Amino acid sequence: MEFMYQKASMEDLALLISSRMEVLRVANELDENTDMSRVEAQSYDYFRAAFRDNAFEAYLVFDGDRLAGTGGVSFFRVMPTYHNPSGGRPIL
């Protein structure tokens, strides 16, 4: 096995969304006939805005041509403090 790691971009939205829908189905024990169209549409909106605003980074892992995994980091800002004057916080 030889894994290839790639930072995701807007061009990878369809792959990210399909992977996310699969994970949500399994995690929530939903059958394949469950209507996920609303979650899918909202996920597209989220990813587009988050990529545009640099509030999210996603990574894809491939085993050859097959997607083997994904991961992501969401960034958000809280009120600045003495120890964190920028207020920047990643969510892992």
PDB file of N, CA and C in Angstrom:
ATOM      1  N   MET A   1       0.839  -1.177   0.000  1.00  0.00           N
ATOM      2  CA  MET A   1       0.000   0.000   0.000  1.00  0.00           C
ATOM      3  C   MET A   1       0.886   1.243   0.000  1.00  0.00           C
ATOM      4  N   GLU A   2       0.574   2.144  -0.899  1.00  0.00           N
ATOM      5  CA  GLU A   2       1.301   3.409  -0.939  1.00  0.00           C
ATOM      6  C   GLU A   2       0.280   4.542  -0.948  1.00  0.00           C
ATOM      7  N   PHE A   3       0.216   5.254   0.162  1.00  0.00           N
ATOM      8  CA  PHE A   3      -0.766   6.323   0.297  1.00  0.00           C
ATOM      9  C   PHE A   3      -0.236   7.628  -0.274  1.00  0.00           C
ATOM     10  N   MET A   4      -1.153   8.372  -0.913  1.00  0.00           N
ATOM     11  CA  MET A   4      -0.837   9.699  -1.401  1.00  0.00           C
ATOM     12  C   MET A   4      -1.748  10.677  -0.666  1.00  0.00           C
ATOM     13  N   TYR A   5      -1.161  11.722  -0.111  1.00  0.00           N
ATOM     14  CA  TYR A   5      -1.901  12.732   0.638  1.00  0.00           C
ATOM     15  C   TYR A   5      -2.030  13.978  -0.218  1.00  0.00           C
ATOM     16  N   GLN A   6      -3.211  14.570  -0.185  1.00  0.00           N
ATOM     17  CA  GLN A   6      -3.476  15.747  -1.016  1.00  0.00           C
ATOM     18  C   GLN A   6      -4.359  16.725  -0.248  1.00  0.00           C
ATOM     19  N   LYS A   7      -3.961  17.988  -0.232  1.00  0.00           N
ATOM     20  CA  LYS A   7      -4.817  19.010   0.351  1.00  0.00           C
ATOM     21  C   LYS A   7      -5.985  19.236  -0.597  1.00  0.00           C
ATOM     22  N   ALA A   8      -7.183  19.215  -0.065  1.00  0.00           N
ATOM     23  CA  ALA A   8      -8.385  19.369  -0.888  1.00  0.00           C
ATOM     24  C   ALA A   8      -8.597  20.828  -1.267  1.00  0.00           C
ATOM     25  N   SER A   9      -9.277  21.014  -2.381  1.00  0.00           N
ATOM     26  CA  SER A   9      -9.622  22.350  -2.858  1.00  0.00           C
ATOM     27  C   SER A   9     -11.080  22.335  -3.314  1.00  0.00           C
ATOM     28  N   MET A  10     -11.527  23.466  -3.805  1.00  0.00           N
ATOM     29  CA  MET A  10     -12.906  23.569  -4.310  1.00  0.00           C
ATOM     30  C   MET A  10     -13.192  22.500  -5.365  1.00  0.00           C
ATOM     31  N   GLU A  11     -12.185  22.124  -6.126  1.00  0.00           N
ATOM     32  CA  GLU A  11     -12.379  21.124  -7.184  1.00  0.00           C
ATOM     33  C   GLU A  11     -12.711  19.746  -6.605  1.00  0.00           C
ATOM     34  N   ASP A  12     -12.464  19.550  -5.315  1.00  0.00           N
ATOM     35  CA  ASP A  12     -12.696  18.257  -4.675  1.00  0.00           C
ATOM     36  C   ASP A  12     -14.021  18.193  -3.911  1.00  0.00           C
ATOM     37  N   LEU A  13     -14.874  19.202  -4.080  1.00  0.00           N
ATOM     38  CA  LEU A  13     -16.122  19.264  -3.313  1.00  0.00           C
ATOM     39  C   LEU A  13     -16.990  18.018  -3.484  1.00  0.00           C
ATOM     40  N   ALA A  14     -17.165  17.546  -4.681  1.00  0.00           N
ATOM     41  CA  ALA A  14     -18.030  16.380  -4.913  1.00  0.00           C
ATOM     42  C   ALA A  14     -17.496  15.170  -4.158  1.00  0.00           C
ATOM     43  N   LEU A  15     -16.194  14.981  -4.176  1.00  0.00           N
ATOM     44  CA  LEU A  15     -15.578  13.862  -3.469  1.00  0.00           C
ATOM     45  C   LEU A  15     -15.730  14.015  -1.958  1.00  0.00           C
ATOM     46  N   LEU A  16     -15.517  15.227  -1.450  1.00  0.00           N
ATOM     47  CA  LEU A  16     -15.686  15.476  -0.019  1.00  0.00           C
ATOM     48  C   LEU A  16     -17.130  15.245   0.422  1.00  0.00           C
ATOM     49  N   ILE A  17     -18.068  15.715  -0.380  1.00  0.00           N
ATOM     50  CA  ILE A  17     -19.481  15.576  -0.032  1.00  0.00           C
ATOM     51  C   ILE A  17     -19.905  14.107  -0.060  1.00  0.00           C
ATOM     52  N   SER A  18     -19.522  13.387  -1.088  1.00  0.00           N
ATOM     53  CA  SER A  18     -19.939  11.977  -1.154  1.00  0.00           C
ATOM     54  C   SER A  18     -19.337  11.182   0.003  1.00  0.00           C
ATOM     55  N   SER A  19     -18.090  11.481   0.351  1.00  0.00           N
ATOM     56  CA  SER A  19     -17.458  10.813   1.484  1.00  0.00           C
ATOM     57  C   SER A  19     -18.184  11.158   2.781  1.00  0.00           C
ATOM     58  N   ARG A  20     -18.519  12.426   2.947  1.00  0.00           N
ATOM     59  CA  ARG A  20     -19.217  12.859   4.168  1.00  0.00           C
ATOM     60  C   ARG A  20     -20.594  12.208   4.278  1.00  0.00           C
ATOM     61  N   MET A  21     -21.323  12.117   3.173  1.00  0.00           N
ATOM     62  CA  MET A  21     -22.646  11.493   3.207  1.00  0.00           C
ATOM     63  C   MET A  21     -22.530  10.018   3.605  1.00  0.00           C
ATOM     64  N   GLU A  22     -21.503   9.359   3.109  1.00  0.00           N
ATOM     65  CA  GLU A  22     -21.291   7.952   3.456  1.00  0.00           C
ATOM     66  C   GLU A  22     -20.994   7.807   4.957  1.00  0.00           C
ATOM     67  N   VAL A  23     -20.134   8.663   5.484  1.00  0.00           N
ATOM     68  CA  VAL A  23     -19.799   8.623   6.910  1.00  0.00           C
ATOM     69  C   VAL A  23     -21.051   8.896   7.759  1.00  0.00           C
ATOM     70  N   LEU A  24     -21.839   9.897   7.372  1.00  0.00           N
ATOM     71  CA  LEU A  24     -23.043  10.219   8.137  1.00  0.00           C
ATOM     72  C   LEU A  24     -24.050   9.070   8.121  1.00  0.00           C
ATOM     73  N   ARG A  25     -24.174   8.410   6.988  1.00  0.00           N
ATOM     74  CA  ARG A  25     -25.087   7.263   6.905  1.00  0.00           C
ATOM     75  C   ARG A  25     -24.652   6.158   7.862  1.00  0.00           C
ATOM     76  N   VAL A  26     -23.370   5.840   7.848  1.00  0.00           N
ATOM     77  CA  VAL A  26     -22.861   4.771   8.710  1.00  0.00           C
ATOM     78  C   VAL A  26     -22.943   5.177  10.181  1.00  0.00           C
ATOM     79  N   ALA A  27     -22.482   6.375  10.505  1.00  0.00           N
ATOM     80  CA  ALA A  27     -22.451   6.829  11.898  1.00  0.00           C
ATOM     81  C   ALA A  27     -23.845   6.917  12.517  1.00  0.00           C
ATOM     82  N   ASN A  28     -24.840   7.247  11.686  1.00  0.00           N
ATOM     83  CA  ASN A  28     -26.214   7.393  12.178  1.00  0.00           C
ATOM     84  C   ASN A  28     -27.095   6.191  11.870  1.00  0.00           C
ATOM     85  N   GLU A  29     -26.464   5.128  11.364  1.00  0.00           N
ATOM     86  CA  GLU A  29     -27.165   3.887  11.020  1.00  0.00           C
ATOM     87  C   GLU A  29     -28.373   4.135  10.116  1.00  0.00           C
ATOM     88  N   LEU A  30     -28.141   4.935   9.069  1.00  0.00           N
ATOM     89  CA  LEU A  30     -29.193   5.254   8.107  1.00  0.00           C
ATOM     90  C   LEU A  30     -29.067   4.337   6.894  1.00  0.00           C
ATOM     91  N   ASP A  31     -30.191   3.867   6.371  1.00  0.00           N
ATOM     92  CA  ASP A  31     -30.091   3.035   5.181  1.00  0.00           C
ATOM     93  C   ASP A  31     -29.882   3.915   3.942  1.00  0.00           C
ATOM     94  N   GLU A  32     -29.543   3.277   2.852  1.00  0.00           N
ATOM     95  CA  GLU A  32     -29.192   4.029   1.641  1.00  0.00           C
ATOM     96  C   GLU A  32     -30.376   4.748   1.015  1.00  0.00           C
ATOM     97  N   ASN A  33     -31.589   4.466   1.445  1.00  0.00           N
ATOM     98  CA  ASN A  33     -32.776   5.135   0.917  1.00  0.00           C
ATOM     99  C   ASN A  33     -33.152   6.384   1.700  1.00  0.00           C
ATOM    100  N   THR A  34     -32.455   6.658   2.804  1.00  0.00           N
ATOM    101  CA  THR A  34     -32.749   7.843   3.608  1.00  0.00           C
ATOM    102  C   THR A  34     -32.416   9.098   2.802  1.00  0.00           C
ATOM    103  N   ASP A  35     -33.353  10.031   2.768  1.00  0.00           N
ATOM    104  CA  ASP A  35     -33.153  11.275   2.012  1.00  0.00           C
ATOM    105  C   ASP A  35     -32.149  12.175   2.734  1.00  0.00           C
ATOM    106  N   MET A  36     -30.990  12.351   2.127  1.00  0.00           N
ATOM    107  CA  MET A  36     -29.937  13.192   2.685  1.00  0.00           C
ATOM    108  C   MET A  36     -29.751  14.454   1.850  1.00  0.00           C
ATOM    109  N   SER A  37     -30.720  14.765   0.985  1.00  0.00           N
ATOM    110  CA  SER A  37     -30.551  15.872   0.046  1.00  0.00           C
ATOM    111  C   SER A  37     -30.378  17.218   0.757  1.00  0.00           C
ATOM    112  N   ARG A  38     -31.089  17.421   1.852  1.00  0.00           N
ATOM    113  CA  ARG A  38     -30.960  18.699   2.574  1.00  0.00           C
ATOM    114  C   ARG A  38     -29.583  18.817   3.224  1.00  0.00           C
ATOM    115  N   VAL A  39     -29.126  17.743   3.848  1.00  0.00           N
ATOM    116  CA  VAL A  39     -27.796  17.742   4.474  1.00  0.00           C
ATOM    117  C   VAL A  39     -26.721  17.913   3.401  1.00  0.00           C
ATOM    118  N   GLU A  40     -26.905  17.267   2.273  1.00  0.00           N
ATOM    119  CA  GLU A  40     -25.942  17.371   1.178  1.00  0.00           C
ATOM    120  C   GLU A  40     -25.864  18.806   0.659  1.00  0.00           C
ATOM    121  N   ALA A  41     -27.005  19.436   0.437  1.00  0.00           N
ATOM    122  CA  ALA A  41     -27.029  20.824  -0.052  1.00  0.00           C
ATOM    123  C   ALA A  41     -26.383  21.767   0.954  1.00  0.00           C
ATOM    124  N   GLN A  42     -26.704  21.592   2.235  1.00  0.00           N
ATOM    125  CA  GLN A  42     -26.111  22.441   3.270  1.00  0.00           C
ATOM    126  C   GLN A  42     -24.609  22.198   3.396  1.00  0.00           C
ATOM    127  N   SER A  43     -24.179  20.961   3.175  1.00  0.00           N
ATOM    128  CA  SER A  43     -22.746  20.649   3.219  1.00  0.00           C
ATOM    129  C   SER A  43     -22.005  21.352   2.081  1.00  0.00           C
ATOM    130  N   TYR A  44     -22.610  21.361   0.888  1.00  0.00           N
ATOM    131  CA  TYR A  44     -22.011  22.100  -0.225  1.00  0.00           C
ATOM    132  C   TYR A  44     -21.866  23.572   0.142  1.00  0.00           C
ATOM    133  N   ASP A  45     -22.925  24.159   0.708  1.00  0.00           N
ATOM    134  CA  ASP A  45     -22.864  25.570   1.107  1.00  0.00           C
ATOM    135  C   ASP A  45     -21.766  25.799   2.130  1.00  0.00           C
ATOM    136  N   TYR A  46     -21.688  24.907   3.123  1.00  0.00           N
ATOM    137  CA  TYR A  46     -20.663  25.044   4.167  1.00  0.00           C
ATOM    138  C   TYR A  46     -19.259  24.986   3.569  1.00  0.00           C
ATOM    139  N   PHE A  47     -18.987  23.938   2.789  1.00  0.00           N
ATOM    140  CA  PHE A  47     -17.643  23.769   2.235  1.00  0.00           C
ATOM    141  C   PHE A  47     -17.247  24.929   1.324  1.00  0.00           C
ATOM    142  N   ARG A  48     -18.169  25.375   0.472  1.00  0.00           N
ATOM    143  CA  ARG A  48     -17.845  26.496  -0.419  1.00  0.00           C
ATOM    144  C   ARG A  48     -17.476  27.740   0.383  1.00  0.00           C
ATOM    145  N   ALA A  49     -18.289  28.077   1.370  1.00  0.00           N
ATOM    146  CA  ALA A  49     -18.018  29.271   2.186  1.00  0.00           C
ATOM    147  C   ALA A  49     -16.754  29.094   3.024  1.00  0.00           C
ATOM    148  N   ALA A  50     -16.580  27.919   3.610  1.00  0.00           N
ATOM    149  CA  ALA A  50     -15.421  27.685   4.471  1.00  0.00           C
ATOM    150  C   ALA A  50     -14.113  27.717   3.680  1.00  0.00           C
ATOM    151  N   PHE A  51     -14.105  27.136   2.483  1.00  0.00           N
ATOM    152  CA  PHE A  51     -12.904  27.212   1.638  1.00  0.00           C
ATOM    153  C   PHE A  51     -12.633  28.665   1.236  1.00  0.00           C
ATOM    154  N   ARG A  52     -13.676  29.357   0.824  1.00  0.00           N
ATOM    155  CA  ARG A  52     -13.536  30.751   0.398  1.00  0.00           C
ATOM    156  C   ARG A  52     -12.962  31.617   1.513  1.00  0.00           C
ATOM    157  N   ASP A  53     -13.437  31.392   2.744  1.00  0.00           N
ATOM    158  CA  ASP A  53     -13.041  32.220   3.883  1.00  0.00           C
ATOM    159  C   ASP A  53     -11.813  31.686   4.623  1.00  0.00           C
ATOM    160  N   ASN A  54     -11.210  30.632   4.099  1.00  0.00           N
ATOM    161  CA  ASN A  54     -10.066  29.982   4.762  1.00  0.00           C
ATOM    162  C   ASN A  54     -10.402  29.572   6.193  1.00  0.00           C
ATOM    163  N   ALA A  55     -11.636  29.119   6.415  1.00  0.00           N
ATOM    164  CA  ALA A  55     -12.080  28.689   7.728  1.00  0.00           C
ATOM    165  C   ALA A  55     -12.043  27.174   7.872  1.00  0.00           C
ATOM    166  N   PHE A  56     -11.609  26.477   6.819  1.00  0.00           N
ATOM    167  CA  PHE A  56     -11.590  25.012   6.826  1.00  0.00           C
ATOM    168  C   PHE A  56     -10.513  24.530   5.878  1.00  0.00           C
ATOM    169  N   GLU A  57      -9.800  23.495   6.284  1.00  0.00           N
ATOM    170  CA  GLU A  57      -8.859  22.798   5.405  1.00  0.00           C
ATOM    171  C   GLU A  57      -9.198  21.323   5.451  1.00  0.00           C
ATOM    172  N   ALA A  58      -9.197  20.709   4.295  1.00  0.00           N
ATOM    173  CA  ALA A  58      -9.479  19.279   4.204  1.00  0.00           C
ATOM    174  C   ALA A  58      -8.311  18.596   3.505  1.00  0.00           C
ATOM    175  N   TYR A  59      -8.128  17.336   3.860  1.00  0.00           N
ATOM    176  CA  TYR A  59      -7.068  16.530   3.267  1.00  0.00           C
ATOM    177  C   TYR A  59      -7.654  15.207   2.819  1.00  0.00           C
ATOM    178  N   LEU A  60      -7.184  14.752   1.673  1.00  0.00           N
ATOM    179  CA  LEU A  60      -7.630  13.503   1.081  1.00  0.00           C
ATOM    180  C   LEU A  60      -6.466  12.524   1.100  1.00  0.00           C
ATOM    181  N   VAL A  61      -6.771  11.252   1.346  1.00  0.00           N
ATOM    182  CA  VAL A  61      -5.760  10.206   1.325  1.00  0.00           C
ATOM    183  C   VAL A  61      -6.199   9.181   0.290  1.00  0.00           C
ATOM    184  N   PHE A  62      -5.313   8.914  -0.650  1.00  0.00           N
ATOM    185  CA  PHE A  62      -5.607   7.962  -1.712  1.00  0.00           C
ATOM    186  C   PHE A  62      -4.692   6.744  -1.611  1.00  0.00           C
ATOM    187  N   ASP A  63      -5.258   5.589  -1.901  1.00  0.00           N
ATOM    188  CA  ASP A  63      -4.506   4.353  -2.092  1.00  0.00           C
ATOM    189  C   ASP A  63      -4.656   4.042  -3.572  1.00  0.00           C
ATOM    190  N   GLY A  64      -3.681   4.459  -4.345  1.00  0.00           N
ATOM    191  CA  GLY A  64      -3.820   4.396  -5.801  1.00  0.00           C
ATOM    192  C   GLY A  64      -4.877   5.402  -6.230  1.00  0.00           C
ATOM    193  N   ASP A  65      -5.882   4.927  -6.971  1.00  0.00           N
ATOM    194  CA  ASP A  65      -6.969   5.798  -7.413  1.00  0.00           C
ATOM    195  C   ASP A  65      -8.147   5.809  -6.443  1.00  0.00           C
ATOM    196  N   ARG A  66      -8.070   5.003  -5.396  1.00  0.00           N
ATOM    197  CA  ARG A  66      -9.182   4.846  -4.451  1.00  0.00           C
ATOM    198  C   ARG A  66      -9.019   5.773  -3.260  1.00  0.00           C
ATOM    199  N   LEU A  67     -10.099   6.501  -2.923  1.00  0.00           N
ATOM    200  CA  LEU A  67     -10.094   7.350  -1.739  1.00  0.00           C
ATOM    201  C   LEU A  67     -10.062   6.445  -0.514  1.00  0.00           C
ATOM    202  N   ALA A  68      -9.042   6.615   0.318  1.00  0.00           N
ATOM    203  CA  ALA A  68      -8.885   5.783   1.503  1.00  0.00           C
ATOM    204  C   ALA A  68      -9.307   6.514   2.774  1.00  0.00           C
ATOM    205  N   GLY A  69      -9.341   7.840   2.739  1.00  0.00           N
ATOM    206  CA  GLY A  69      -9.733   8.582   3.933  1.00  0.00           C
ATOM    207  C   GLY A  69      -9.714  10.072   3.695  1.00  0.00           C
ATOM    208  N   THR A  70     -10.333  10.783   4.613  1.00  0.00           N
ATOM    209  CA  THR A  70     -10.348  12.243   4.575  1.00  0.00           C
ATOM    210  C   THR A  70     -10.161  12.758   6.000  1.00  0.00           C
ATOM    211  N   GLY A  71      -9.787  13.986   6.103  1.00  0.00           N
ATOM    212  CA  GLY A  71      -9.688  14.642   7.400  1.00  0.00           C
ATOM    213  C   GLY A  71      -9.804  16.134   7.194  1.00  0.00           C
ATOM    214  N   GLY A  72     -10.150  16.832   8.233  1.00  0.00           N
ATOM    215  CA  GLY A  72     -10.300  18.272   8.079  1.00  0.00           C
ATOM    216  C   GLY A  72     -10.108  19.003   9.383  1.00  0.00           C
ATOM    217  N   VAL A  73      -9.841  20.282   9.256  1.00  0.00           N
ATOM    218  CA  VAL A  73      -9.686  21.175  10.398  1.00  0.00           C
ATOM    219  C   VAL A  73     -10.556  22.403  10.140  1.00  0.00           C
ATOM    220  N   SER A  74     -11.429  22.717  11.094  1.00  0.00           N
ATOM    221  CA  SER A  74     -12.239  23.931  11.034  1.00  0.00           C
ATOM    222  C   SER A  74     -11.579  24.978  11.925  1.00  0.00           C
ATOM    223  N   PHE A  75     -11.495  26.191  11.430  1.00  0.00           N
ATOM    224  CA  PHE A  75     -10.913  27.281  12.198  1.00  0.00           C
ATOM    225  C   PHE A  75     -12.021  28.260  12.561  1.00  0.00           C
ATOM    226  N   PHE A  76     -11.991  28.735  13.775  1.00  0.00           N
ATOM    227  CA  PHE A  76     -12.956  29.755  14.161  1.00  0.00           C
ATOM    228  C   PHE A  76     -12.263  30.754  15.075  1.00  0.00           C
ATOM    229  N   ARG A  77     -12.902  31.865  15.289  1.00  0.00           N
ATOM    230  CA  ARG A  77     -12.320  32.933  16.082  1.00  0.00           C
ATOM    231  C   ARG A  77     -13.179  33.210  17.301  1.00  0.00           C
ATOM    232  N   VAL A  78     -12.515  33.330  18.439  1.00  0.00           N
ATOM    233  CA  VAL A  78     -13.182  33.695  19.688  1.00  0.00           C
ATOM    234  C   VAL A  78     -12.683  35.076  20.087  1.00  0.00           C
ATOM    235  N   MET A  79     -13.242  35.624  21.156  1.00  0.00           N
ATOM    236  CA  MET A  79     -12.777  36.934  21.619  1.00  0.00           C
ATOM    237  C   MET A  79     -11.304  36.845  22.010  1.00  0.00           C
ATOM    238  N   PRO A  80     -10.502  37.820  21.622  1.00  0.00           N
ATOM    239  CA  PRO A  80      -9.079  37.797  21.973  1.00  0.00           C
ATOM    240  C   PRO A  80      -8.874  37.830  23.498  1.00  0.00           C
ATOM    241  N   THR A  81      -7.810  37.180  23.922  1.00  0.00           N
ATOM    242  CA  THR A  81      -7.418  37.190  25.332  1.00  0.00           C
ATOM    243  C   THR A  81      -5.940  37.550  25.420  1.00  0.00           C
ATOM    244  N   TYR A  82      -5.473  37.708  26.616  1.00  0.00           N
ATOM    245  CA  TYR A  82      -4.058  38.023  26.813  1.00  0.00           C
ATOM    246  C   TYR A  82      -3.172  36.937  26.202  1.00  0.00           C
ATOM    247  N   HIS A  83      -3.535  35.661  26.429  1.00  0.00           N
ATOM    248  CA  HIS A  83      -2.730  34.542  25.936  1.00  0.00           C
ATOM    249  C   HIS A  83      -3.030  34.185  24.480  1.00  0.00           C
ATOM    250  N   ASN A  84      -4.093  34.711  23.936  1.00  0.00           N
ATOM    251  CA  ASN A  84      -4.476  34.440  22.548  1.00  0.00           C
ATOM    252  C   ASN A  84      -5.017  35.725  21.923  1.00  0.00           C
ATOM    253  N   PRO A  85      -4.113  36.685  21.651  1.00  0.00           N
ATOM    254  CA  PRO A  85      -4.572  37.991  21.171  1.00  0.00           C
ATOM    255  C   PRO A  85      -5.288  37.953  19.808  1.00  0.00           C
ATOM    256  N   SER A  86      -5.020  36.933  18.994  1.00  0.00           N
ATOM    257  CA  SER A  86      -5.684  36.870  17.690  1.00  0.00           C
ATOM    258  C   SER A  86      -7.087  36.293  17.807  1.00  0.00           C
ATOM    259  N   GLY A  87      -7.336  35.480  18.841  1.00  0.00           N
ATOM    260  CA  GLY A  87      -8.633  34.824  18.984  1.00  0.00           C
ATOM    261  C   GLY A  87      -8.800  33.619  18.084  1.00  0.00           C
ATOM    262  N   GLY A  88      -7.771  33.252  17.314  1.00  0.00           N
ATOM    263  CA  GLY A  88      -7.867  32.120  16.392  1.00  0.00           C
ATOM    264  C   GLY A  88      -7.827  30.794  17.132  1.00  0.00           C
ATOM    265  N   ARG A  89      -8.706  29.878  16.740  1.00  0.00           N
ATOM    266  CA  ARG A  89      -8.752  28.549  17.363  1.00  0.00           C
ATOM    267  C   ARG A  89      -9.068  27.500  16.298  1.00  0.00           C
ATOM    268  N   PRO A  90      -8.251  26.461  16.189  1.00  0.00           N
ATOM    269  CA  PRO A  90      -8.629  25.344  15.302  1.00  0.00           C
ATOM    270  C   PRO A  90      -9.487  24.349  16.060  1.00  0.00           C
ATOM    271  N   ILE A  91     -10.371  23.676  15.335  1.00  0.00           N
ATOM    272  CA  ILE A  91     -11.141  22.546  15.873  1.00  0.00           C
ATOM    273  C   ILE A  91     -10.623  21.319  15.139  1.00  0.00           C
ATOM    274  N   LEU A  92     -10.087  20.395  15.836  1.00  0.00           N
ATOM    275  CA  LEU A  92      -9.558  19.179  15.204  1.00  0.00           C
ATOM    276  C   LEU A  92     -10.548  18.065  15.272  1.00  0.00           C
TER     277      LEU A  92
END
